[in-house]
Amino acid sequence: MERVKIVADSTCDLSPEVLEQYQIEVIPLPVNLGDKPCLDGVDVHPADLFEYVRETGKLPTTSAPTPAYYEELYQKWTEEGYSVVHFSISLAFTVTHNIAKMAAQSFPNVYPVDSRNISAGMGILAIQAARLRDQGLSAQEIADRVRAMTDRVQTSFILDTLQYMYKGGRCTGVAALGANLLNLKPCIEVKDGAMEVGKKYRGKLESVLEQYTEARLKGKSHLDLDQILIAHCYVDQKILDRVIQKIKECQPFREILVLDTGCSVSVHCGPNTLGLIYMTDGTESKTSA
């Protein structure tokens, strides 16, 4: 049987426990603290990013890896006898997937997959791929199957502050100031591989997150109830517990995974960000929702 390695860039935001459970490899991506190059999750973590912002007033930056970086890892795994299915962040956000495709040209058994998503939206697809691997599917079959699943992934986040989006040039100072003055917390949704602003909530974070969770889940049909992922950046445990309880009140998911966001999400979204990531069951286009 073909030996298959499931690989995801560090933007997948899966915890060490989940990575071990599903035997998923992570490729750390570059993060720069000014002119100091680092690797996400290796020698820089979200706490380091926020300390850097406090000290300098500037935002750390992320950058794409070189083709040679991917090639070195592809060569290592293929020489060990593996075929590789590699998940990248949506091509709408970064060129990383195109770089992976360039690097894979020399390896007929490496299959780069554009997740058309970010954070645990990538991660949930990598989990699906690992399950298909364990069922004995080939790398080619896994890549084809998971590419067909990308539209089923539902990813959204609530931002507690727009200051990090503003520092990163992703919103205007007027928008950031207005949101702060009005105590607005926007919902960012991933749709068709790109991010857009959804509903804007108003109030304290705990109340907003409960409203958001209910809006995303209550009364919704065609959900894959196997698993839901909560990705967050330093959200207080008491608030997390309320979100988990609200999820249970809305839908009978069989598993709720709580994950910490890594550097790529944290640097753009800031502390107290929380997202819900789950999948539909694939039948919503065949019947009315």
Protein backbone atom coordinates (compact mmCIF):
# COMPACT_ATOMS: atom_id res chain seq x y z
CA MET A 1 0.00 0.00 0.00
CA GLU A 2 1.22 3.50 -0.82
CA ARG A 3 2.69 5.36 2.13
CA VAL A 4 1.20 8.87 2.28
CA LYS A 5 2.44 11.86 4.27
CA ILE A 6 -0.19 14.51 5.06
CA VAL A 7 1.50 17.91 5.37
CA ALA A 8 0.17 21.41 6.12
CA ASP A 9 1.78 24.83 6.42
CA SER A 10 1.91 26.18 9.98
CA THR A 11 -1.07 28.41 9.18
CA CYS A 12 -3.27 25.33 9.74
CA ASP A 13 -3.26 26.14 13.50
CA LEU A 14 -3.65 22.51 14.59
CA SER A 15 -2.46 21.72 18.11
CA PRO A 16 0.46 19.35 18.79
CA GLU A 17 -2.02 16.82 20.18
CA VAL A 18 -4.16 16.87 17.03
CA LEU A 19 -1.10 16.71 14.79
CA GLU A 20 0.10 13.64 16.66
CA GLN A 21 -3.33 12.01 16.70
CA TYR A 22 -3.74 12.30 12.93
CA GLN A 23 -0.03 12.01 12.05
CA ILE A 24 0.05 15.33 10.20
CA GLU A 25 3.35 17.10 9.52
CA VAL A 26 3.64 20.90 9.76
CA ILE A 27 5.89 23.15 7.68
CA PRO A 28 6.84 26.30 9.67
CA LEU A 29 6.46 29.46 7.60
CA PRO A 30 8.60 32.62 7.83
CA VAL A 31 7.68 35.42 10.24
CA ASN A 32 9.81 38.56 10.51
CA LEU A 33 10.25 40.65 13.64
CA GLY A 34 11.59 43.71 11.89
CA ASP A 35 14.79 42.50 10.19
CA LYS A 36 14.96 39.35 12.33
CA PRO A 37 13.77 36.27 10.39
CA CYS A 38 11.98 33.59 12.40
CA LEU A 39 9.92 30.46 11.78
CA ASP A 40 6.30 30.26 12.93
CA GLY A 41 5.97 28.03 15.99
CA VAL A 42 9.69 27.27 16.14
CA ASP A 43 11.44 30.40 17.36
CA VAL A 44 8.52 32.83 17.40
CA HIS A 45 5.06 32.52 18.96
CA PRO A 46 2.05 34.86 19.25
CA ALA A 47 3.24 36.20 22.62
CA ASP A 48 6.47 37.31 20.94
CA LEU A 49 4.48 39.11 18.24
CA PHE A 50 2.42 41.09 20.70
CA GLU A 51 5.49 42.00 22.74
CA TYR A 52 7.16 43.24 19.55
CA VAL A 53 4.10 45.39 18.74
CA ARG A 54 4.08 46.85 22.27
CA GLU A 55 7.79 47.67 22.11
CA THR A 56 7.98 49.05 18.57
CA GLY A 57 4.44 50.03 17.61
CA LYS A 58 5.06 48.11 14.38
CA LEU A 59 3.52 44.91 13.12
CA PRO A 60 5.64 41.81 12.43
CA THR A 61 5.40 40.60 8.86
CA THR A 62 4.87 37.22 7.27
CA SER A 63 6.51 36.12 4.04
CA ALA A 64 6.29 33.22 1.64
CA PRO A 65 8.91 30.47 1.72
CA THR A 66 11.24 29.87 -1.22
CA PRO A 67 10.68 26.95 -3.60
CA ALA A 68 13.96 25.50 -2.32
CA TYR A 69 12.55 25.38 1.22
CA TYR A 70 9.64 23.19 0.07
CA GLU A 71 11.87 21.16 -2.26
CA GLU A 72 14.16 20.20 0.61
CA LEU A 73 11.25 18.87 2.63
CA TYR A 74 9.62 17.13 -0.33
CA GLN A 75 12.93 15.41 -1.09
CA LYS A 76 13.29 14.27 2.52
CA TRP A 77 9.85 12.67 2.65
CA THR A 78 9.91 11.14 -0.81
CA GLU A 79 13.34 9.61 -0.16
CA GLU A 80 11.80 8.03 2.93
CA GLY A 81 9.28 6.37 0.62
CA TYR A 82 6.28 8.66 1.04
CA SER A 83 3.94 10.33 -1.37
CA VAL A 84 2.97 13.79 -0.09
CA VAL A 85 -0.32 15.71 0.07
CA HIS A 86 0.51 19.30 1.07
CA PHE A 87 -2.05 21.91 2.17
CA SER A 88 -1.41 25.63 1.66
CA ILE A 89 -3.27 28.77 2.65
CA SER A 90 -5.75 30.07 0.07
CA LEU A 91 -4.17 31.41 -3.09
CA ALA A 92 -6.41 34.47 -2.68
CA PHE A 93 -4.36 35.45 0.40
CA THR A 94 -0.79 34.59 -0.60
CA VAL A 95 1.39 33.08 -3.33
CA THR A 96 2.45 30.21 -1.06
CA HIS A 97 0.41 27.63 -2.99
CA ASN A 98 1.99 28.65 -6.30
CA ILE A 99 5.43 28.27 -4.71
CA ALA A 100 4.46 24.79 -3.51
CA LYS A 101 3.36 23.89 -7.04
CA MET A 102 6.69 25.13 -8.43
CA ALA A 103 8.60 23.07 -5.89
CA ALA A 104 6.48 19.97 -6.61
CA GLN A 105 7.28 19.96 -10.33
CA SER A 106 10.35 17.80 -9.67
CA PHE A 107 8.37 15.31 -7.57
CA PRO A 108 5.69 13.26 -9.40
CA ASN A 109 4.33 11.93 -6.09
CA VAL A 110 3.82 15.31 -4.36
CA TYR A 111 0.34 16.85 -4.54
CA PRO A 112 -0.03 20.50 -3.41
CA VAL A 113 -3.61 21.41 -2.44
CA ASP A 114 -4.97 24.96 -2.30
CA SER A 115 -7.12 24.81 0.84
CA ARG A 116 -8.99 27.93 -0.28
CA ASN A 117 -9.00 28.70 3.41
CA ILE A 118 -6.97 29.92 6.36
CA SER A 119 -6.17 28.82 9.92
CA ALA A 120 -8.13 25.78 11.11
CA GLY A 121 -10.07 25.91 7.83
CA MET A 122 -6.88 24.43 6.40
CA GLY A 123 -6.55 22.21 9.44
CA ILE A 124 -9.96 20.59 9.13
CA LEU A 125 -9.14 19.63 5.53
CA ALA A 126 -5.82 18.13 6.64
CA ILE A 127 -7.74 16.06 9.19
CA GLN A 128 -10.08 14.86 6.46
CA ALA A 129 -7.05 13.92 4.35
CA ALA A 130 -5.51 11.98 7.24
CA ARG A 131 -8.72 10.00 7.65
CA LEU A 132 -8.74 9.17 3.93
CA ARG A 133 -5.10 8.09 4.19
CA ASP A 134 -6.03 5.77 7.04
CA GLN A 135 -8.75 4.27 4.84
CA GLY A 136 -6.02 3.28 2.37
CA LEU A 137 -6.58 5.85 -0.40
CA SER A 138 -3.67 6.91 -2.59
CA ALA A 139 -2.16 10.39 -2.41
CA GLN A 140 -3.74 11.28 -5.76
CA GLU A 141 -7.17 10.10 -4.58
CA ILE A 142 -6.82 11.99 -1.30
CA ALA A 143 -5.83 15.22 -3.04
CA ASP A 144 -8.75 14.93 -5.47
CA ARG A 145 -11.26 14.13 -2.74
CA VAL A 146 -10.17 16.96 -0.46
CA ARG A 147 -10.06 19.55 -3.24
CA ALA A 148 -13.72 18.72 -3.81
CA MET A 149 -14.41 19.40 -0.10
CA THR A 150 -13.02 22.94 0.07
CA ASP A 151 -16.39 24.62 -0.59
CA ARG A 152 -17.89 22.72 2.35
CA VAL A 153 -15.60 24.32 4.93
CA GLN A 154 -17.24 27.10 6.96
CA THR A 155 -14.66 29.45 8.51
CA SER A 156 -15.35 32.71 10.32
CA PHE A 157 -13.78 34.81 13.08
CA ILE A 158 -14.81 37.54 15.49
CA LEU A 159 -12.22 40.28 15.97
CA ASP A 160 -12.07 42.06 19.31
CA THR A 161 -10.00 44.90 17.83
CA LEU A 162 -9.22 46.26 14.38
CA GLN A 163 -5.88 47.73 15.45
CA TYR A 164 -3.88 44.84 14.01
CA MET A 165 -5.81 44.93 10.73
CA TYR A 166 -5.11 48.67 10.61
CA LYS A 167 -1.40 48.27 11.32
CA GLY A 168 -1.25 45.65 8.58
CA GLY A 169 -2.93 47.93 6.07
CA ARG A 170 -6.10 45.85 5.86
CA CYS A 171 -8.49 48.56 7.05
CA THR A 172 -8.42 52.35 7.37
CA GLY A 173 -7.66 54.26 10.53
CA VAL A 174 -11.16 55.71 10.37
CA ALA A 175 -12.71 52.23 10.32
CA ALA A 176 -10.52 51.08 13.21
CA LEU A 177 -11.31 54.19 15.27
CA GLY A 178 -15.01 53.97 14.52
CA ALA A 179 -15.18 50.32 15.52
CA ASN A 180 -13.36 51.11 18.74
CA LEU A 181 -15.60 54.06 19.64
CA LEU A 182 -18.78 52.13 18.87
CA ASN A 183 -17.48 48.92 20.51
CA LEU A 184 -18.04 47.03 17.25
CA LYS A 185 -16.64 43.57 16.70
CA PRO A 186 -16.80 42.45 13.06
CA CYS A 187 -17.26 38.89 11.85
CA ILE A 188 -14.73 37.97 9.15
CA GLU A 189 -15.88 35.14 6.88
CA VAL A 190 -14.02 33.06 4.33
CA LYS A 191 -16.06 32.72 1.15
CA ASP A 192 -14.91 31.42 -2.23
CA GLY A 193 -11.34 31.35 -0.95
CA ALA A 194 -11.31 35.03 0.10
CA MET A 195 -12.14 36.98 3.25
CA GLU A 196 -15.04 39.38 3.58
CA VAL A 197 -16.68 41.29 6.41
CA GLY A 198 -19.97 39.83 7.62
CA LYS A 199 -22.18 40.93 10.47
CA LYS A 200 -20.85 43.53 12.92
CA TYR A 201 -21.63 42.81 16.56
CA ARG A 202 -21.70 45.32 19.38
CA GLY A 203 -21.00 44.83 23.07
CA LYS A 204 -18.72 42.94 25.41
CA LEU A 205 -16.71 40.08 23.97
CA GLU A 206 -18.46 37.31 25.92
CA SER A 207 -21.90 38.45 24.81
CA VAL A 208 -20.77 38.98 21.22
CA LEU A 209 -19.23 35.50 21.00
CA GLU A 210 -22.41 33.89 22.30
CA GLN A 211 -24.50 35.83 19.74
CA TYR A 212 -22.03 34.91 16.98
CA THR A 213 -22.05 31.21 17.90
CA GLU A 214 -25.83 31.11 17.91
CA ALA A 215 -26.05 32.95 14.59
CA ARG A 216 -23.63 30.52 12.96
CA LEU A 217 -25.13 27.31 14.29
CA LYS A 218 -28.65 27.50 15.73
CA GLY A 219 -31.27 25.90 13.51
CA LYS A 220 -28.79 25.30 10.69
CA SER A 221 -29.24 22.16 8.60
CA HIS A 222 -26.81 20.25 6.36
CA LEU A 223 -23.96 20.44 8.86
CA ASP A 224 -21.36 17.71 9.21
CA LEU A 225 -21.76 17.13 12.94
CA ASP A 226 -18.64 15.03 13.30
CA GLN A 227 -16.40 17.88 14.41
CA ILE A 228 -16.19 21.61 15.08
CA LEU A 229 -12.97 23.52 15.70
CA ILE A 230 -12.62 26.63 17.86
CA ALA A 231 -9.50 28.63 16.95
CA HIS A 232 -8.68 31.48 19.30
CA CYS A 233 -5.95 33.87 20.38
CA TYR A 234 -5.72 34.31 24.17
CA VAL A 235 -9.48 34.26 24.80
CA ASP A 236 -10.18 33.82 28.52
CA GLN A 237 -11.08 30.26 29.56
CA LYS A 238 -14.39 31.35 31.11
CA ILE A 239 -15.43 32.87 27.78
CA LEU A 240 -14.26 29.75 25.93
CA ASP A 241 -16.38 27.63 28.25
CA ARG A 242 -19.44 29.75 27.41
CA VAL A 243 -18.78 29.36 23.69
CA ILE A 244 -18.45 25.59 24.10
CA GLN A 245 -21.71 25.47 26.06
CA LYS A 246 -23.46 27.56 23.42
CA ILE A 247 -22.21 25.21 20.68
CA LYS A 248 -23.66 22.25 22.59
CA GLU A 249 -26.98 24.07 22.94
CA CYS A 250 -27.13 24.74 19.20
CA GLN A 251 -25.84 21.53 17.57
CA PRO A 252 -24.87 18.01 18.72
CA PHE A 253 -21.31 17.98 17.38
CA ARG A 254 -19.56 14.75 18.32
CA GLU A 255 -16.24 16.48 18.92
CA ILE A 256 -15.25 20.04 19.83
CA LEU A 257 -11.55 20.85 19.39
CA VAL A 258 -10.08 24.01 20.91
CA LEU A 259 -6.98 25.34 19.14
CA ASP A 260 -4.62 28.27 19.63
CA THR A 261 -4.07 30.42 16.56
CA GLY A 262 -0.49 30.60 15.37
CA CYS A 263 1.51 33.59 14.27
CA SER A 264 -0.01 34.07 10.83
CA VAL A 265 -3.55 34.59 12.13
CA SER A 266 -2.55 36.28 15.40
CA VAL A 267 -0.38 38.93 13.72
CA HIS A 268 -3.29 40.13 11.55
CA CYS A 269 -6.23 39.63 13.91
CA GLY A 270 -4.83 40.40 17.36
CA PRO A 271 -5.64 39.03 20.82
CA ASN A 272 -9.14 37.86 21.78
CA THR A 273 -9.88 36.71 18.24
CA LEU A 274 -12.09 33.61 18.09
CA GLY A 275 -13.25 31.58 15.12
CA LEU A 276 -15.58 28.65 14.49
CA ILE A 277 -14.63 26.17 11.79
CA TYR A 278 -16.79 23.26 10.67
CA MET A 279 -18.01 21.56 7.50
CA THR A 280 -21.33 21.11 5.79
CA ASP A 281 -22.39 17.61 4.82
CA GLY A 282 -22.31 18.28 1.09
CA THR A 283 -26.05 17.97 0.54
CA GLU A 284 -26.99 21.67 0.84
CA SER A 285 -26.80 22.25 -2.93
CA LYS A 286 -29.19 19.39 -3.59
CA THR A 287 -31.92 20.48 -1.23
CA SER A 288 -33.15 23.83 -0.04
CA ALA A 289 -31.46 25.11 3.12
